[in-house]
Amino acid sequence: MLERGRTLFIAYDESNHGRFPEICVAVFSLNSKDFEKYSNPTSKKHSGADDFSGKLITKDYSLLLLNQIDKERIKENELLGRILGSLTIQKLNFFDGSFSFLIDGEWAKSKLDYTKDFISEINSIEKEKISIQCGKDFDKLYPLVNFADEIAYWHYKNSTPEKLSTNVHLVSLLESA
């Protein structure tokens, strides 16, 4: 069903364990409370799949496995855009509203600009409908980013690449816009 006039909130984090494949996760929510900063920064919450599966009643997620070859062949300035574009393309096409992204980590403006351009182009969305914020420790400051971190961590600890290859949330890395 096409949603109109609302904001889709999207949080991004990755497993960031330094080994490949990297597990990249985007979580989607229509609940603005998921996007509100905690009053007190929290520690990362890493529960089991049974604990986080209940949260998926009101949210959805996509995951991508980033291998070392792709990470090395894609221009550094384009990598975040390609990852987020891949994670979101199957979701944003069915939504007619605005899009607010929270991304864990500090990213250069040039990378965020490319990301916004790439997402806009592949989804035929006006750039003005896309907002992107990023920052250090967003996974401790925002519930939705914390949830993306939790999912990435859980898959890193409990899944194999073979098992992940059949996961219904898995998407492929887009080659270009």
C-alpha atoms as a PDB file:
ATOM      1  CA  MET A   1       0.000   0.000   0.000  1.00  0.00           C
ATOM      2  CA  LEU A   2       1.323   3.423  -0.937  1.00  0.00           C
ATOM      3  CA  GLU A   3       1.736   5.735   2.054  1.00  0.00           C
ATOM      4  CA  ARG A   4       1.153   9.428   1.342  1.00  0.00           C
ATOM      5  CA  GLY A   5       2.096  12.549   3.247  1.00  0.00           C
ATOM      6  CA  ARG A   6       3.923  10.847   6.095  1.00  0.00           C
ATOM      7  CA  THR A   7       7.570  10.528   7.018  1.00  0.00           C
ATOM      8  CA  LEU A   8       9.385   7.248   6.726  1.00  0.00           C
ATOM      9  CA  PHE A   9      12.167   7.058   9.303  1.00  0.00           C
ATOM     10  CA  ILE A  10      15.242   5.058   8.318  1.00  0.00           C
ATOM     11  CA  ALA A  11      18.210   4.153  10.504  1.00  0.00           C
ATOM     12  CA  TYR A  12      21.491   2.664   9.284  1.00  0.00           C
ATOM     13  CA  ASP A  13      24.289   0.823  11.022  1.00  0.00           C
ATOM     14  CA  GLU A  14      26.682  -1.993  10.185  1.00  0.00           C
ATOM     15  CA  SER A  15      28.379  -4.771  12.089  1.00  0.00           C
ATOM     16  CA  ASN A  16      31.710  -2.896  11.788  1.00  0.00           C
ATOM     17  CA  HIS A  17      33.723  -5.836  12.996  1.00  0.00           C
ATOM     18  CA  GLY A  18      36.549  -5.397  10.477  1.00  0.00           C
ATOM     19  CA  ARG A  19      36.011  -8.798   8.887  1.00  0.00           C
ATOM     20  CA  PHE A  20      34.105  -9.588   5.732  1.00  0.00           C
ATOM     21  CA  PRO A  21      31.393  -9.760   4.842  1.00  0.00           C
ATOM     22  CA  GLU A  22      30.256  -6.625   6.643  1.00  0.00           C
ATOM     23  CA  ILE A  23      26.587  -6.814   7.633  1.00  0.00           C
ATOM     24  CA  CYS A  24      24.841  -3.539   6.738  1.00  0.00           C
ATOM     25  CA  VAL A  25      21.326  -2.924   8.085  1.00  0.00           C
ATOM     26  CA  ALA A  26      18.620  -0.324   7.445  1.00  0.00           C
ATOM     27  CA  VAL A  27      15.554  -0.282   9.706  1.00  0.00           C
ATOM     28  CA  PHE A  28      12.295   1.409   8.637  1.00  0.00           C
ATOM     29  CA  SER A  29       9.598   2.883  10.867  1.00  0.00           C
ATOM     30  CA  LEU A  30       6.643   5.239  10.584  1.00  0.00           C
ATOM     31  CA  ASN A  31       6.763   5.962  14.336  1.00  0.00           C
ATOM     32  CA  SER A  32       8.421   9.309  15.049  1.00  0.00           C
ATOM     33  CA  LYS A  33       9.218   8.212  18.623  1.00  0.00           C
ATOM     34  CA  ASP A  34      11.760   5.774  17.157  1.00  0.00           C
ATOM     35  CA  PHE A  35      13.585   8.831  15.829  1.00  0.00           C
ATOM     36  CA  GLU A  36      13.614  10.843  19.057  1.00  0.00           C
ATOM     37  CA  LYS A  37      16.906  11.108  20.890  1.00  0.00           C
ATOM     38  CA  TYR A  38      17.098   9.258  24.197  1.00  0.00           C
ATOM     39  CA  SER A  39      17.043  11.659  27.147  1.00  0.00           C
ATOM     40  CA  ASN A  40      20.080   9.782  28.503  1.00  0.00           C
ATOM     41  CA  PRO A  41      22.410   8.008  26.076  1.00  0.00           C
ATOM     42  CA  THR A  42      21.967   4.276  26.378  1.00  0.00           C
ATOM     43  CA  SER A  43      24.375   1.428  26.111  1.00  0.00           C
ATOM     44  CA  LYS A  44      24.028  -0.748  23.052  1.00  0.00           C
ATOM     45  CA  LYS A  45      21.291  -3.310  23.475  1.00  0.00           C
ATOM     46  CA  HIS A  46      22.104  -6.687  21.996  1.00  0.00           C
ATOM     47  CA  SER A  47      19.244  -9.044  22.691  1.00  0.00           C
ATOM     48  CA  GLY A  48      18.381 -12.327  21.031  1.00  0.00           C
ATOM     49  CA  ALA A  49      16.301 -12.752  17.883  1.00  0.00           C
ATOM     50  CA  ASP A  50      13.240 -13.581  19.977  1.00  0.00           C
ATOM     51  CA  ASP A  51      13.589 -10.240  21.727  1.00  0.00           C
ATOM     52  CA  PHE A  52      13.945  -8.150  18.578  1.00  0.00           C
ATOM     53  CA  SER A  53      11.420 -10.064  16.462  1.00  0.00           C
ATOM     54  CA  GLY A  54       8.613  -8.459  18.495  1.00  0.00           C
ATOM     55  CA  LYS A  55       9.829  -5.007  17.439  1.00  0.00           C
ATOM     56  CA  LEU A  56       9.415  -6.008  13.798  1.00  0.00           C
ATOM     57  CA  ILE A  57       5.628  -5.915  14.152  1.00  0.00           C
ATOM     58  CA  THR A  58       5.823  -2.134  13.642  1.00  0.00           C
ATOM     59  CA  LYS A  59       9.107  -1.955  11.730  1.00  0.00           C
ATOM     60  CA  ASP A  60      10.866  -3.561   8.808  1.00  0.00           C
ATOM     61  CA  TYR A  61      14.502  -3.957   7.848  1.00  0.00           C
ATOM     62  CA  SER A  62      16.823  -4.779   4.982  1.00  0.00           C
ATOM     63  CA  LEU A  63      20.312  -6.207   5.213  1.00  0.00           C
ATOM     64  CA  LEU A  64      23.218  -6.351   2.815  1.00  0.00           C
ATOM     65  CA  LEU A  65      26.434  -8.345   2.923  1.00  0.00           C
ATOM     66  CA  LEU A  66      29.326  -6.166   1.797  1.00  0.00           C
ATOM     67  CA  ASN A  67      32.307  -8.204   0.683  1.00  0.00           C
ATOM     68  CA  GLN A  68      35.884  -6.984   0.569  1.00  0.00           C
ATOM     69  CA  ILE A  69      36.067  -6.972  -3.250  1.00  0.00           C
ATOM     70  CA  ASP A  70      33.053  -4.651  -3.546  1.00  0.00           C
ATOM     71  CA  LYS A  71      34.319  -2.401  -0.762  1.00  0.00           C
ATOM     72  CA  GLU A  72      37.678  -2.006  -2.523  1.00  0.00           C
ATOM     73  CA  ARG A  73      36.303  -1.508  -6.055  1.00  0.00           C
ATOM     74  CA  ILE A  74      33.661   1.108  -5.227  1.00  0.00           C
ATOM     75  CA  LYS A  75      34.907   4.664  -4.880  1.00  0.00           C
ATOM     76  CA  GLU A  76      35.072   5.590  -1.214  1.00  0.00           C
ATOM     77  CA  ASN A  77      32.925   8.672  -1.820  1.00  0.00           C
ATOM     78  CA  GLU A  78      30.168   6.502  -3.342  1.00  0.00           C
ATOM     79  CA  LEU A  79      30.146   3.529  -0.957  1.00  0.00           C
ATOM     80  CA  LEU A  80      27.604   4.791   1.598  1.00  0.00           C
ATOM     81  CA  GLY A  81      25.237   5.896  -1.172  1.00  0.00           C
ATOM     82  CA  ARG A  82      25.433   2.549  -2.934  1.00  0.00           C
ATOM     83  CA  ILE A  83      24.845   0.673   0.336  1.00  0.00           C
ATOM     84  CA  LEU A  84      21.902   2.814   1.447  1.00  0.00           C
ATOM     85  CA  GLY A  85      20.449   2.884  -2.056  1.00  0.00           C
ATOM     86  CA  SER A  86      20.569  -0.911  -2.140  1.00  0.00           C
ATOM     87  CA  LEU A  87      19.032  -1.242   1.321  1.00  0.00           C
ATOM     88  CA  THR A  88      16.178   1.154   0.594  1.00  0.00           C
ATOM     89  CA  ILE A  89      15.177   0.778  -3.058  1.00  0.00           C
ATOM     90  CA  GLN A  90      12.568  -1.899  -2.439  1.00  0.00           C
ATOM     91  CA  LYS A  91      11.001   0.171   0.352  1.00  0.00           C
ATOM     92  CA  LEU A  92      11.069   3.781  -0.830  1.00  0.00           C
ATOM     93  CA  ASN A  93       9.391   3.055  -4.150  1.00  0.00           C
ATOM     94  CA  PHE A  94       6.161   2.257  -2.286  1.00  0.00           C
ATOM     95  CA  PHE A  95       6.106   5.380  -0.168  1.00  0.00           C
ATOM     96  CA  ASP A  96       5.005   8.857  -1.211  1.00  0.00           C
ATOM     97  CA  GLY A  97       6.131  11.104   1.619  1.00  0.00           C
ATOM     98  CA  SER A  98       9.374  12.371   3.091  1.00  0.00           C
ATOM     99  CA  PHE A  99      12.354  10.319   4.192  1.00  0.00           C
ATOM    100  CA  SER A 100      14.493  10.965   7.278  1.00  0.00           C
ATOM    101  CA  PHE A 101      17.742   9.048   7.687  1.00  0.00           C
ATOM    102  CA  LEU A 102      19.848   8.634  10.811  1.00  0.00           C
ATOM    103  CA  ILE A 103      23.266   7.138  10.122  1.00  0.00           C
ATOM    104  CA  ASP A 104      25.629   5.938  12.808  1.00  0.00           C
ATOM    105  CA  GLY A 105      29.139   7.354  12.449  1.00  0.00           C
ATOM    106  CA  GLU A 106      30.687  10.555  11.244  1.00  0.00           C
ATOM    107  CA  TRP A 107      30.569  10.899   7.470  1.00  0.00           C
ATOM    108  CA  ALA A 108      32.024  13.603   5.208  1.00  0.00           C
ATOM    109  CA  LYS A 109      29.538  15.999   3.631  1.00  0.00           C
ATOM    110  CA  SER A 110      30.609  14.877   0.154  1.00  0.00           C
ATOM    111  CA  LYS A 111      29.634  11.279   0.988  1.00  0.00           C
ATOM    112  CA  LEU A 112      26.276  12.383   2.396  1.00  0.00           C
ATOM    113  CA  ASP A 113      25.625  14.545  -0.682  1.00  0.00           C
ATOM    114  CA  TYR A 114      26.389  11.612  -2.979  1.00  0.00           C
ATOM    115  CA  THR A 115      24.151   9.370  -0.854  1.00  0.00           C
ATOM    116  CA  LYS A 116      21.244  11.784  -1.099  1.00  0.00           C
ATOM    117  CA  ASP A 117      21.752  12.183  -4.871  1.00  0.00           C
ATOM    118  CA  PHE A 118      21.971   8.415  -5.403  1.00  0.00           C
ATOM    119  CA  ILE A 119      18.863   7.623  -3.339  1.00  0.00           C
ATOM    120  CA  SER A 120      16.964  10.418  -5.078  1.00  0.00           C
ATOM    121  CA  GLU A 121      17.948   9.209  -8.538  1.00  0.00           C
ATOM    122  CA  ILE A 122      17.298   5.485  -8.148  1.00  0.00           C
ATOM    123  CA  ASN A 123      13.914   6.057  -6.477  1.00  0.00           C
ATOM    124  CA  SER A 124      12.804   9.088  -8.538  1.00  0.00           C
ATOM    125  CA  ILE A 125      12.370  11.096  -5.342  1.00  0.00           C
ATOM    126  CA  GLU A 126      12.890  14.827  -5.057  1.00  0.00           C
ATOM    127  CA  LYS A 127      16.051  15.524  -3.044  1.00  0.00           C
ATOM    128  CA  GLU A 128      14.096  17.973  -0.893  1.00  0.00           C
ATOM    129  CA  LYS A 129      12.085  15.043   0.500  1.00  0.00           C
ATOM    130  CA  ILE A 130      15.246  13.389   1.850  1.00  0.00           C
ATOM    131  CA  SER A 131      16.997  14.452   5.036  1.00  0.00           C
ATOM    132  CA  ILE A 132      20.142  12.793   6.358  1.00  0.00           C
ATOM    133  CA  GLN A 133      21.721  13.201   9.775  1.00  0.00           C
ATOM    134  CA  CYS A 134      24.765  11.342  11.020  1.00  0.00           C
ATOM    135  CA  GLY A 135      26.965  11.347  14.058  1.00  0.00           C
ATOM    136  CA  LYS A 136      29.163   9.474  16.431  1.00  0.00           C
ATOM    137  CA  ASP A 137      27.341   7.102  18.775  1.00  0.00           C
ATOM    138  CA  PHE A 138      23.949   7.510  17.087  1.00  0.00           C
ATOM    139  CA  ASP A 139      23.441   3.836  17.973  1.00  0.00           C
ATOM    140  CA  LYS A 140      23.459   4.915  21.630  1.00  0.00           C
ATOM    141  CA  LEU A 141      21.431   8.097  21.110  1.00  0.00           C
ATOM    142  CA  TYR A 142      18.480   7.020  18.916  1.00  0.00           C
ATOM    143  CA  PRO A 143      16.215   3.977  19.394  1.00  0.00           C
ATOM    144  CA  LEU A 144      15.944   3.179  15.675  1.00  0.00           C
ATOM    145  CA  VAL A 145      19.716   3.279  15.129  1.00  0.00           C
ATOM    146  CA  ASN A 146      20.163   1.175  18.254  1.00  0.00           C
ATOM    147  CA  PHE A 147      17.797  -1.372  16.713  1.00  0.00           C
ATOM    148  CA  ALA A 148      19.761  -1.397  13.425  1.00  0.00           C
ATOM    149  CA  ASP A 149      22.922  -2.018  15.467  1.00  0.00           C
ATOM    150  CA  GLU A 150      21.181  -4.804  17.379  1.00  0.00           C
ATOM    151  CA  ILE A 151      20.096  -6.559  14.173  1.00  0.00           C
ATOM    152  CA  ALA A 152      23.550  -6.257  12.564  1.00  0.00           C
ATOM    153  CA  TYR A 153      25.216  -7.571  15.718  1.00  0.00           C
ATOM    154  CA  TRP A 154      22.782 -10.468  16.068  1.00  0.00           C
ATOM    155  CA  HIS A 155      23.328 -11.581  12.464  1.00  0.00           C
ATOM    156  CA  TYR A 156      27.091 -11.222  12.875  1.00  0.00           C
ATOM    157  CA  LYS A 157      27.089 -13.411  15.985  1.00  0.00           C
ATOM    158  CA  ASN A 158      24.442 -15.955  14.955  1.00  0.00           C
ATOM    159  CA  SER A 159      24.344 -16.280  11.177  1.00  0.00           C
ATOM    160  CA  THR A 160      26.658 -17.633   8.540  1.00  0.00           C
ATOM    161  CA  PRO A 161      26.938 -16.134   5.028  1.00  0.00           C
ATOM    162  CA  GLU A 162      25.227 -19.286   3.744  1.00  0.00           C
ATOM    163  CA  LYS A 163      22.324 -18.840   6.151  1.00  0.00           C
ATOM    164  CA  LEU A 164      22.095 -15.126   5.399  1.00  0.00           C
ATOM    165  CA  SER A 165      21.968 -15.816   1.656  1.00  0.00           C
ATOM    166  CA  THR A 166      18.420 -17.145   2.107  1.00  0.00           C
ATOM    167  CA  ASN A 167      17.240 -14.422   4.510  1.00  0.00           C
ATOM    168  CA  VAL A 168      14.106 -12.666   3.195  1.00  0.00           C
ATOM    169  CA  HIS A 169      15.530  -9.287   4.256  1.00  0.00           C
ATOM    170  CA  LEU A 170      18.717  -9.664   2.193  1.00  0.00           C
ATOM    171  CA  VAL A 171      19.250  -7.296  -0.734  1.00  0.00           C
ATOM    172  CA  SER A 172      21.972  -7.125  -3.373  1.00  0.00           C
ATOM    173  CA  LEU A 173      24.410  -4.284  -3.863  1.00  0.00           C
ATOM    174  CA  LEU A 174      23.331  -2.002  -6.713  1.00  0.00           C
ATOM    175  CA  GLU A 175      25.926  -1.462  -9.416  1.00  0.00           C
ATOM    176  CA  SER A 176      24.949   2.137 -10.224  1.00  0.00           C
ATOM    177  CA  ALA A 177      22.009   4.480 -10.599  1.00  0.00           C
END
